[in-house]
């Protein structure tokens, strides 16, 4: 898989690991078509569409309805377009850690 999503983040405003974002080799990945975060029960919590990889601020900041989400594991799904024009999907989990 030519992209990377961190396995944990700590959205405490210190400027380090405050977002969970999609990172990729831009020689292989042209764009992120969709990036979604789900609860462990499958509820869609956050999503973003059509952006280049490697932009930290285009990731989830760990909030739900203006409040910090509970410390837990969340599921992410990323659909992306390769520089060849092919589309692929990747999934994984990320842990929102305590501040």
PDB file of N, CA and C in Angstrom:
ATOM      1  N   UNK A   1       0.860  -1.186   0.000  1.00  0.00           N
ATOM      2  CA  UNK A   1       0.000   0.000   0.000  1.00  0.00           C
ATOM      3  C   UNK A   1       0.894   1.233   0.000  1.00  0.00           C
ATOM      4  N   UNK A   2       0.731   2.111  -0.968  1.00  0.00           N
ATOM      5  CA  UNK A   2       1.621   3.276  -1.062  1.00  0.00           C
ATOM      6  C   UNK A   2       1.216   4.455  -0.179  1.00  0.00           C
ATOM      7  N   UNK A   3       0.354   4.214   0.812  1.00  0.00           N
ATOM      8  CA  UNK A   3       0.010   5.309   1.717  1.00  0.00           C
ATOM      9  C   UNK A   3       0.137   4.853   3.155  1.00  0.00           C
ATOM     10  N   UNK A   4       0.165   5.840   4.050  1.00  0.00           N
ATOM     11  CA  UNK A   4       0.381   5.596   5.470  1.00  0.00           C
ATOM     12  C   UNK A   4      -0.568   6.471   6.266  1.00  0.00           C
ATOM     13  N   UNK A   5      -1.228   5.871   7.242  1.00  0.00           N
ATOM     14  CA  UNK A   5      -2.043   6.598   8.212  1.00  0.00           C
ATOM     15  C   UNK A   5      -1.516   6.184   9.581  1.00  0.00           C
ATOM     16  N   UNK A   6      -1.179   7.135  10.437  1.00  0.00           N
ATOM     17  CA  UNK A   6      -0.639   6.781  11.752  1.00  0.00           C
ATOM     18  C   UNK A   6      -1.582   5.863  12.533  1.00  0.00           C
ATOM     19  N   UNK A   7      -1.022   5.092  13.448  1.00  0.00           N
ATOM     20  CA  UNK A   7      -1.825   4.171  14.249  1.00  0.00           C
ATOM     21  C   UNK A   7      -2.341   4.816  15.534  1.00  0.00           C
ATOM     22  N   UNK A   8      -1.852   6.016  15.862  1.00  0.00           N
ATOM     23  CA  UNK A   8      -2.317   6.722  17.058  1.00  0.00           C
ATOM     24  C   UNK A   8      -2.100   8.221  16.867  1.00  0.00           C
ATOM     25  N   UNK A   9      -2.913   8.996  17.566  1.00  0.00           N
ATOM     26  CA  UNK A   9      -2.717  10.445  17.580  1.00  0.00           C
ATOM     27  C   UNK A   9      -3.236  10.999  18.896  1.00  0.00           C
ATOM     28  N   UNK A  10      -2.771  12.208  19.231  1.00  0.00           N
ATOM     29  CA  UNK A  10      -3.124  12.834  20.514  1.00  0.00           C
ATOM     30  C   UNK A  10      -3.513  14.287  20.257  1.00  0.00           C
ATOM     31  N   UNK A  11      -4.791  14.518  19.977  1.00  0.00           N
ATOM     32  CA  UNK A  11      -5.242  15.874  19.625  1.00  0.00           C
ATOM     33  C   UNK A  11      -5.353  16.797  20.834  1.00  0.00           C
ATOM     34  N   UNK A  12      -4.194  17.182  21.364  1.00  0.00           N
ATOM     35  CA  UNK A  12      -4.183  18.021  22.562  1.00  0.00           C
ATOM     36  C   UNK A  12      -3.708  19.452  22.281  1.00  0.00           C
ATOM     37  N   UNK A  13      -3.528  19.792  21.006  1.00  0.00           N
ATOM     38  CA  UNK A  13      -3.172  21.158  20.658  1.00  0.00           C
ATOM     39  C   UNK A  13      -1.710  21.509  20.826  1.00  0.00           C
ATOM     40  N   UNK A  14      -0.852  20.521  21.056  1.00  0.00           N
ATOM     41  CA  UNK A  14       0.564  20.828  21.246  1.00  0.00           C
ATOM     42  C   UNK A  14       1.342  20.916  19.930  1.00  0.00           C
ATOM     43  N   UNK A  15       0.659  20.698  18.806  1.00  0.00           N
ATOM     44  CA  UNK A  15       1.310  20.784  17.513  1.00  0.00           C
ATOM     45  C   UNK A  15       1.956  19.488  17.042  1.00  0.00           C
ATOM     46  N   UNK A  16       1.913  18.455  17.871  1.00  0.00           N
ATOM     47  CA  UNK A  16       2.460  17.144  17.507  1.00  0.00           C
ATOM     48  C   UNK A  16       1.345  16.108  17.493  1.00  0.00           C
ATOM     49  N   UNK A  17       1.165  15.461  16.353  1.00  0.00           N
ATOM     50  CA  UNK A  17       0.174  14.389  16.247  1.00  0.00           C
ATOM     51  C   UNK A  17      -1.234  14.830  16.639  1.00  0.00           C
ATOM     52  N   UNK A  18      -1.616  16.052  16.290  1.00  0.00           N
ATOM     53  CA  UNK A  18      -2.944  16.565  16.632  1.00  0.00           C
ATOM     54  C   UNK A  18      -4.018  16.124  15.643  1.00  0.00           C
ATOM     55  N   UNK A  19      -3.618  15.612  14.495  1.00  0.00           N
ATOM     56  CA  UNK A  19      -4.554  15.156  13.465  1.00  0.00           C
ATOM     57  C   UNK A  19      -4.178  13.737  13.048  1.00  0.00           C
ATOM     58  N   UNK A  20      -5.166  12.969  12.618  1.00  0.00           N
ATOM     59  CA  UNK A  20      -4.872  11.716  11.934  1.00  0.00           C
ATOM     60  C   UNK A  20      -5.124  11.994  10.455  1.00  0.00           C
ATOM     61  N   UNK A  21      -4.086  11.836   9.656  1.00  0.00           N
ATOM     62  CA  UNK A  21      -4.097  12.252   8.260  1.00  0.00           C
ATOM     63  C   UNK A  21      -3.544  11.160   7.366  1.00  0.00           C
ATOM     64  N   UNK A  22      -3.722  11.349   6.057  1.00  0.00           N
ATOM     65  CA  UNK A  22      -3.222  10.392   5.070  1.00  0.00           C
ATOM     66  C   UNK A  22      -1.908  10.907   4.496  1.00  0.00           C
ATOM     67  N   UNK A  23      -0.892  10.081   4.569  1.00  0.00           N
ATOM     68  CA  UNK A  23       0.417  10.402   4.011  1.00  0.00           C
ATOM     69  C   UNK A  23       0.726   9.387   2.916  1.00  0.00           C
ATOM     70  N   UNK A  24       1.392   9.849   1.872  1.00  0.00           N
ATOM     71  CA  UNK A  24       1.660   8.945   0.752  1.00  0.00           C
ATOM     72  C   UNK A  24       2.851   9.427  -0.051  1.00  0.00           C
ATOM     73  N   UNK A  25       3.404   8.514  -0.822  1.00  0.00           N
ATOM     74  CA  UNK A  25       4.427   8.843  -1.797  1.00  0.00           C
ATOM     75  C   UNK A  25       3.720   9.540  -2.956  1.00  0.00           C
ATOM     76  N   UNK A  26       3.971  10.825  -3.149  1.00  0.00           N
ATOM     77  CA  UNK A  26       3.244  11.561  -4.193  1.00  0.00           C
ATOM     78  C   UNK A  26       3.686  11.193  -5.606  1.00  0.00           C
ATOM     79  N   UNK A  27       4.709  10.338  -5.716  1.00  0.00           N
ATOM     80  CA  UNK A  27       5.058   9.794  -7.020  1.00  0.00           C
ATOM     81  C   UNK A  27       4.141   8.633  -7.384  1.00  0.00           C
ATOM     82  N   UNK A  28       3.446   8.075  -6.384  1.00  0.00           N
ATOM     83  CA  UNK A  28       2.538   6.952  -6.597  1.00  0.00           C
ATOM     84  C   UNK A  28       1.070   7.326  -6.413  1.00  0.00           C
ATOM     85  N   UNK A  29       0.784   8.230  -5.474  1.00  0.00           N
ATOM     86  CA  UNK A  29      -0.597   8.587  -5.145  1.00  0.00           C
ATOM     87  C   UNK A  29      -0.870  10.010  -5.615  1.00  0.00           C
ATOM     88  N   UNK A  30      -1.840  10.144  -6.521  1.00  0.00           N
ATOM     89  CA  UNK A  30      -2.180  11.453  -7.077  1.00  0.00           C
ATOM     90  C   UNK A  30      -3.098  12.234  -6.149  1.00  0.00           C
ATOM     91  N   UNK A  31      -4.100  11.567  -5.566  1.00  0.00           N
ATOM     92  CA  UNK A  31      -5.037  12.272  -4.695  1.00  0.00           C
ATOM     93  C   UNK A  31      -5.766  11.304  -3.778  1.00  0.00           C
ATOM     94  N   UNK A  32      -6.282  11.880  -2.709  1.00  0.00           N
ATOM     95  CA  UNK A  32      -7.137  11.137  -1.791  1.00  0.00           C
ATOM     96  C   UNK A  32      -8.568  11.453  -2.209  1.00  0.00           C
ATOM     97  N   UNK A  33      -9.286  10.446  -2.643  1.00  0.00           N
ATOM     98  CA  UNK A  33     -10.666  10.637  -3.089  1.00  0.00           C
ATOM     99  C   UNK A  33     -11.584  10.802  -1.881  1.00  0.00           C
ATOM    100  N   UNK A  34     -11.389   9.966  -0.870  1.00  0.00           N
ATOM    101  CA  UNK A  34     -12.155  10.109   0.373  1.00  0.00           C
ATOM    102  C   UNK A  34     -11.341   9.556   1.532  1.00  0.00           C
ATOM    103  N   UNK A  35     -11.538  10.171   2.691  1.00  0.00           N
ATOM    104  CA  UNK A  35     -10.925   9.717   3.931  1.00  0.00           C
ATOM    105  C   UNK A  35     -12.011   9.805   4.985  1.00  0.00           C
ATOM    106  N   UNK A  36     -12.348   8.664   5.581  1.00  0.00           N
ATOM    107  CA  UNK A  36     -13.461   8.601   6.517  1.00  0.00           C
ATOM    108  C   UNK A  36     -13.024   7.958   7.824  1.00  0.00           C
ATOM    109  N   UNK A  37     -13.620   8.428   8.913  1.00  0.00           N
ATOM    110  CA  UNK A  37     -13.380   7.885  10.244  1.00  0.00           C
ATOM    111  C   UNK A  37     -14.708   7.355  10.773  1.00  0.00           C
ATOM    112  N   UNK A  38     -14.667   6.122  11.299  1.00  0.00           N
ATOM    113  CA  UNK A  38     -15.855   5.474  11.830  1.00  0.00           C
ATOM    114  C   UNK A  38     -15.627   5.056  13.281  1.00  0.00           C
ATOM    115  N   UNK A  39     -16.725   4.975  14.038  1.00  0.00           N
ATOM    116  CA  UNK A  39     -16.650   4.390  15.374  1.00  0.00           C
ATOM    117  C   UNK A  39     -16.489   2.882  15.224  1.00  0.00           C
ATOM    118  N   UNK A  40     -16.194   2.210  16.295  1.00  0.00           N
ATOM    119  CA  UNK A  40     -16.036   0.759  16.231  1.00  0.00           C
ATOM    120  C   UNK A  40     -17.340   0.052  15.898  1.00  0.00           C
ATOM    121  N   UNK A  41     -18.461   0.777  15.983  1.00  0.00           N
ATOM    122  CA  UNK A  41     -19.772   0.218  15.636  1.00  0.00           C
ATOM    123  C   UNK A  41     -20.192   0.586  14.219  1.00  0.00           C
ATOM    124  N   UNK A  42     -19.307   1.245  13.483  1.00  0.00           N
ATOM    125  CA  UNK A  42     -19.583   1.552  12.085  1.00  0.00           C
ATOM    126  C   UNK A  42     -20.260   2.881  11.820  1.00  0.00           C
ATOM    127  N   UNK A  43     -20.400   3.716  12.829  1.00  0.00           N
ATOM    128  CA  UNK A  43     -21.007   5.033  12.636  1.00  0.00           C
ATOM    129  C   UNK A  43     -19.986   5.986  12.012  1.00  0.00           C
ATOM    130  N   UNK A  44     -20.357   6.613  10.902  1.00  0.00           N
ATOM    131  CA  UNK A  44     -19.484   7.604  10.269  1.00  0.00           C
ATOM    132  C   UNK A  44     -19.392   8.828  11.169  1.00  0.00           C
ATOM    133  N   UNK A  45     -18.155   9.185  11.550  1.00  0.00           N
ATOM    134  CA  UNK A  45     -17.934  10.305  12.459  1.00  0.00           C
ATOM    135  C   UNK A  45     -17.364  11.531  11.766  1.00  0.00           C
ATOM    136  N   UNK A  46     -16.595  11.320  10.706  1.00  0.00           N
ATOM    137  CA  UNK A  46     -15.912  12.429  10.040  1.00  0.00           C
ATOM    138  C   UNK A  46     -15.535  11.980   8.645  1.00  0.00           C
ATOM    139  N   UNK A  47     -15.493  12.925   7.699  1.00  0.00           N
ATOM    140  CA  UNK A  47     -15.070  12.594   6.341  1.00  0.00           C
ATOM    141  C   UNK A  47     -14.552  13.831   5.635  1.00  0.00           C
ATOM    142  N   UNK A  48     -13.698  13.595   4.649  1.00  0.00           N
ATOM    143  CA  UNK A  48     -13.174  14.660   3.801  1.00  0.00           C
ATOM    144  C   UNK A  48     -12.952  14.049   2.426  1.00  0.00           C
ATOM    145  N   UNK A  49     -13.018  14.891   1.403  1.00  0.00           N
ATOM    146  CA  UNK A  49     -12.966  14.406   0.027  1.00  0.00           C
ATOM    147  C   UNK A  49     -12.043  15.242  -0.843  1.00  0.00           C
ATOM    148  N   UNK A  50     -11.437  14.574  -1.827  1.00  0.00           N
ATOM    149  CA  UNK A  50     -10.704  15.214  -2.921  1.00  0.00           C
ATOM    150  C   UNK A  50      -9.634  16.194  -2.462  1.00  0.00           C
ATOM    151  N   UNK A  51      -8.544  15.649  -1.967  1.00  0.00           N
ATOM    152  CA  UNK A  51      -7.427  16.479  -1.534  1.00  0.00           C
ATOM    153  C   UNK A  51      -6.126  15.731  -1.790  1.00  0.00           C
ATOM    154  N   UNK A  52      -5.023  16.439  -1.899  1.00  0.00           N
ATOM    155  CA  UNK A  52      -3.736  15.766  -2.092  1.00  0.00           C
ATOM    156  C   UNK A  52      -3.276  15.125  -0.784  1.00  0.00           C
ATOM    157  N   UNK A  53      -2.473  14.072  -0.858  1.00  0.00           N
ATOM    158  CA  UNK A  53      -1.932  13.481   0.376  1.00  0.00           C
ATOM    159  C   UNK A  53      -0.929  14.422   1.037  1.00  0.00           C
ATOM    160  N   UNK A  54      -0.574  14.112   2.254  1.00  0.00           N
ATOM    161  CA  UNK A  54       0.498  14.785   2.994  1.00  0.00           C
ATOM    162  C   UNK A  54       0.123  16.176   3.492  1.00  0.00           C
ATOM    163  N   UNK A  55      -1.154  16.452   3.656  1.00  0.00           N
ATOM    164  CA  UNK A  55      -1.590  17.724   4.233  1.00  0.00           C
ATOM    165  C   UNK A  55      -2.205  17.413   5.598  1.00  0.00           C
ATOM    166  N   UNK A  56      -1.418  17.593   6.633  1.00  0.00           N
ATOM    167  CA  UNK A  56      -1.818  17.210   7.980  1.00  0.00           C
ATOM    168  C   UNK A  56      -3.178  17.779   8.354  1.00  0.00           C
ATOM    169  N   UNK A  57      -3.427  19.053   8.058  1.00  0.00           N
ATOM    170  CA  UNK A  57      -4.665  19.704   8.471  1.00  0.00           C
ATOM    171  C   UNK A  57      -5.902  19.189   7.736  1.00  0.00           C
ATOM    172  N   UNK A  58      -5.721  18.350   6.712  1.00  0.00           N
ATOM    173  CA  UNK A  58      -6.864  17.737   6.035  1.00  0.00           C
ATOM    174  C   UNK A  58      -7.262  16.435   6.724  1.00  0.00           C
ATOM    175  N   UNK A  59      -6.749  16.209   7.912  1.00  0.00           N
ATOM    176  CA  UNK A  59      -7.094  15.021   8.681  1.00  0.00           C
ATOM    177  C   UNK A  59      -8.090  15.330   9.783  1.00  0.00           C
ATOM    178  N   UNK A  60      -8.497  14.291  10.482  1.00  0.00           N
ATOM    179  CA  UNK A  60      -9.450  14.421  11.591  1.00  0.00           C
ATOM    180  C   UNK A  60      -8.746  14.950  12.825  1.00  0.00           C
ATOM    181  N   UNK A  61      -9.366  15.949  13.473  1.00  0.00           N
ATOM    182  CA  UNK A  61      -8.777  16.565  14.668  1.00  0.00           C
ATOM    183  C   UNK A  61      -9.259  15.916  15.960  1.00  0.00           C
ATOM    184  N   UNK A  62      -9.983  14.812  15.851  1.00  0.00           N
ATOM    185  CA  UNK A  62     -10.415  14.083  17.043  1.00  0.00           C
ATOM    186  C   UNK A  62     -11.653  14.631  17.709  1.00  0.00           C
ATOM    187  N   UNK A  63     -12.358  15.548  17.059  1.00  0.00           N
ATOM    188  CA  UNK A  63     -13.557  16.100  17.683  1.00  0.00           C
ATOM    189  C   UNK A  63     -14.831  15.558  17.040  1.00  0.00           C
ATOM    190  N   UNK A  64     -15.866  15.530  17.843  1.00  0.00           N
ATOM    191  CA  UNK A  64     -17.213  15.173  17.414  1.00  0.00           C
ATOM    192  C   UNK A  64     -18.153  16.229  17.978  1.00  0.00           C
ATOM    193  N   UNK A  65     -18.874  16.896  17.100  1.00  0.00           N
ATOM    194  CA  UNK A  65     -19.815  17.938  17.538  1.00  0.00           C
ATOM    195  C   UNK A  65     -19.161  18.974  18.454  1.00  0.00           C
ATOM    196  N   UNK A  66     -17.918  19.342  18.135  1.00  0.00           N
ATOM    197  CA  UNK A  66     -17.219  20.370  18.890  1.00  0.00           C
ATOM    198  C   UNK A  66     -16.562  19.906  20.174  1.00  0.00           C
ATOM    199  N   UNK A  67     -16.686  18.636  20.507  1.00  0.00           N
ATOM    200  CA  UNK A  67     -16.080  18.086  21.717  1.00  0.00           C
ATOM    201  C   UNK A  67     -15.041  17.037  21.331  1.00  0.00           C
ATOM    202  N   UNK A  68     -14.023  16.875  22.156  1.00  0.00           N
ATOM    203  CA  UNK A  68     -13.033  15.844  21.900  1.00  0.00           C
ATOM    204  C   UNK A  68     -13.690  14.471  22.019  1.00  0.00           C
ATOM    205  N   UNK A  69     -13.467  13.630  21.052  1.00  0.00           N
ATOM    206  CA  UNK A  69     -14.024  12.272  21.053  1.00  0.00           C
ATOM    207  C   UNK A  69     -13.391  11.453  22.176  1.00  0.00           C
ATOM    208  N   UNK A  70     -14.074  10.410  22.625  1.00  0.00           N
ATOM    209  CA  UNK A  70     -13.513   9.568  23.680  1.00  0.00           C
ATOM    210  C   UNK A  70     -12.228   8.870  23.246  1.00  0.00           C
ATOM    211  N   UNK A  71     -11.373   8.594  24.218  1.00  0.00           N
ATOM    212  CA  UNK A  71     -10.186   7.781  23.968  1.00  0.00           C
ATOM    213  C   UNK A  71     -10.685   6.409  23.537  1.00  0.00           C
ATOM    214  N   UNK A  72     -10.276   5.990  22.345  1.00  0.00           N
ATOM    215  CA  UNK A  72     -10.761   4.725  21.791  1.00  0.00           C
ATOM    216  C   UNK A  72     -10.022   4.442  20.495  1.00  0.00           C
ATOM    217  N   UNK A  73     -10.278   3.267  19.938  1.00  0.00           N
ATOM    218  CA  UNK A  73      -9.792   2.918  18.609  1.00  0.00           C
ATOM    219  C   UNK A  73     -10.894   3.253  17.609  1.00  0.00           C
ATOM    220  N   UNK A  74     -10.507   3.855  16.503  1.00  0.00           N
ATOM    221  CA  UNK A  74     -11.430   4.237  15.440  1.00  0.00           C
ATOM    222  C   UNK A  74     -10.963   3.598  14.136  1.00  0.00           C
ATOM    223  N   UNK A  75     -11.899   3.358  13.259  1.00  0.00           N
ATOM    224  CA  UNK A  75     -11.599   2.741  11.966  1.00  0.00           C
ATOM    225  C   UNK A  75     -11.514   3.832  10.907  1.00  0.00           C
ATOM    226  N   UNK A  76     -10.506   3.744  10.046  1.00  0.00           N
ATOM    227  CA  UNK A  76     -10.402   4.684   8.930  1.00  0.00           C
ATOM    228  C   UNK A  76     -10.494   3.919   7.616  1.00  0.00           C
ATOM    229  N   UNK A  77     -11.045   4.601   6.612  1.00  0.00           N
ATOM    230  CA  UNK A  77     -11.128   4.071   5.256  1.00  0.00           C
ATOM    231  C   UNK A  77     -10.677   5.181   4.316  1.00  0.00           C
ATOM    232  N   UNK A  78      -9.713   4.882   3.475  1.00  0.00           N
ATOM    233  CA  UNK A  78      -9.214   5.859   2.498  1.00  0.00           C
ATOM    234  C   UNK A  78      -9.359   5.271   1.098  1.00  0.00           C
ATOM    235  N   UNK A  79      -9.988   6.014   0.220  1.00  0.00           N
ATOM    236  CA  UNK A  79     -10.023   5.675  -1.199  1.00  0.00           C
ATOM    237  C   UNK A  79      -9.098   6.665  -1.880  1.00  0.00           C
ATOM    238  N   UNK A  80      -8.198   6.159  -2.724  1.00  0.00           N
ATOM    239  CA  UNK A  80      -7.203   7.045  -3.317  1.00  0.00           C
ATOM    240  C   UNK A  80      -6.977   6.693  -4.774  1.00  0.00           C
ATOM    241  N   UNK A  81      -6.468   7.692  -5.499  1.00  0.00           N
ATOM    242  CA  UNK A  81      -6.169   7.509  -6.917  1.00  0.00           C
ATOM    243  C   UNK A  81      -4.664   7.497  -7.106  1.00  0.00           C
ATOM    244  N   UNK A  82      -4.192   6.469  -7.769  1.00  0.00           N
ATOM    245  CA  UNK A  82      -2.777   6.375  -8.095  1.00  0.00           C
ATOM    246  C   UNK A  82      -2.446   7.285  -9.268  1.00  0.00           C
ATOM    247  N   UNK A  83      -1.175   7.562  -9.458  1.00  0.00           N
ATOM    248  CA  UNK A  83      -0.759   8.388 -10.594  1.00  0.00           C
ATOM    249  C   UNK A  83      -1.057   7.704 -11.924  1.00  0.00           C
ATOM    250  N   UNK A  84      -1.299   6.396 -11.888  1.00  0.00           N
ATOM    251  CA  UNK A  84      -1.669   5.657 -13.105  1.00  0.00           C
ATOM    252  C   UNK A  84      -3.143   5.829 -13.450  1.00  0.00           C
ATOM    253  N   UNK A  85      -3.918   6.429 -12.522  1.00  0.00           N
ATOM    254  CA  UNK A  85      -5.352   6.597 -12.727  1.00  0.00           C
ATOM    255  C   UNK A  85      -6.182   5.532 -12.038  1.00  0.00           C
ATOM    256  N   UNK A  86      -5.556   4.462 -11.575  1.00  0.00           N
ATOM    257  CA  UNK A  86      -6.282   3.410 -10.859  1.00  0.00           C
ATOM    258  C   UNK A  86      -6.710   3.904  -9.485  1.00  0.00           C
ATOM    259  N   UNK A  87      -7.858   3.397  -9.015  1.00  0.00           N
ATOM    260  CA  UNK A  87      -8.328   3.716  -7.675  1.00  0.00           C
ATOM    261  C   UNK A  87      -8.164   2.497  -6.778  1.00  0.00           C
ATOM    262  N   UNK A  88      -7.795   2.756  -5.519  1.00  0.00           N
ATOM    263  CA  UNK A  88      -7.644   1.693  -4.540  1.00  0.00           C
ATOM    264  C   UNK A  88      -8.220   2.156  -3.218  1.00  0.00           C
ATOM    265  N   UNK A  89      -8.435   1.189  -2.322  1.00  0.00           N
ATOM    266  CA  UNK A  89      -8.950   1.495  -0.993  1.00  0.00           C
ATOM    267  C   UNK A  89      -8.062   0.839   0.041  1.00  0.00           C
ATOM    268  N   UNK A  90      -7.870   1.539   1.149  1.00  0.00           N
ATOM    269  CA  UNK A  90      -7.109   1.000   2.270  1.00  0.00           C
ATOM    270  C   UNK A  90      -7.901   1.264   3.544  1.00  0.00           C
ATOM    271  N   UNK A  91      -7.747   0.382   4.517  1.00  0.00           N
ATOM    272  CA  UNK A  91      -8.437   0.545   5.798  1.00  0.00           C
ATOM    273  C   UNK A  91      -7.472   0.264   6.936  1.00  0.00           C
ATOM    274  N   UNK A  92      -7.824   0.727   8.108  1.00  0.00           N
ATOM    275  CA  UNK A  92      -7.008   0.464   9.275  1.00  0.00           C
ATOM    276  C   UNK A  92      -7.678   1.028  10.509  1.00  0.00           C
ATOM    277  N   UNK A  93      -6.942   1.005  11.610  1.00  0.00           N
ATOM    278  CA  UNK A  93      -7.450   1.579  12.853  1.00  0.00           C
ATOM    279  C   UNK A  93      -6.455   2.618  13.374  1.00  0.00           C
ATOM    280  N   UNK A  94      -6.995   3.561  14.102  1.00  0.00           N
ATOM    281  CA  UNK A  94      -6.175   4.579  14.738  1.00  0.00           C
ATOM    282  C   UNK A  94      -6.703   4.752  16.160  1.00  0.00           C
ATOM    283  N   UNK A  95      -5.784   4.934  17.105  1.00  0.00           N
ATOM    284  CA  UNK A  95      -6.161   5.119  18.491  1.00  0.00           C
ATOM    285  C   UNK A  95      -6.070   6.594  18.835  1.00  0.00           C
ATOM    286  N   UNK A  96      -7.170   7.150  19.341  1.00  0.00           N
ATOM    287  CA  UNK A  96      -7.154   8.502  19.885  1.00  0.00           C
ATOM    288  C   UNK A  96      -6.686   8.357  21.326  1.00  0.00           C
ATOM    289  N   UNK A  97      -5.531   8.939  21.585  1.00  0.00           N
ATOM    290  CA  UNK A  97      -4.909   8.787  22.918  1.00  0.00           C
ATOM    291  C   UNK A  97      -5.289   9.938  23.831  1.00  0.00           C
ATOM    292  N   UNK A  98      -5.175   9.692  25.114  1.00  0.00           N
ATOM    293  CA  UNK A  98      -5.488  10.714  26.127  1.00  0.00           C
ATOM    294  C   UNK A  98      -4.547  11.901  25.969  1.00  0.00           C
ATOM    295  N   UNK A  99      -5.065  13.043  26.326  1.00  0.00           N
ATOM    296  CA  UNK A  99      -4.250  14.264  26.215  1.00  0.00           C
ATOM    297  C   UNK A  99      -3.177  14.205  27.244  1.00  0.00           C
TER     298      UNK A  99
END
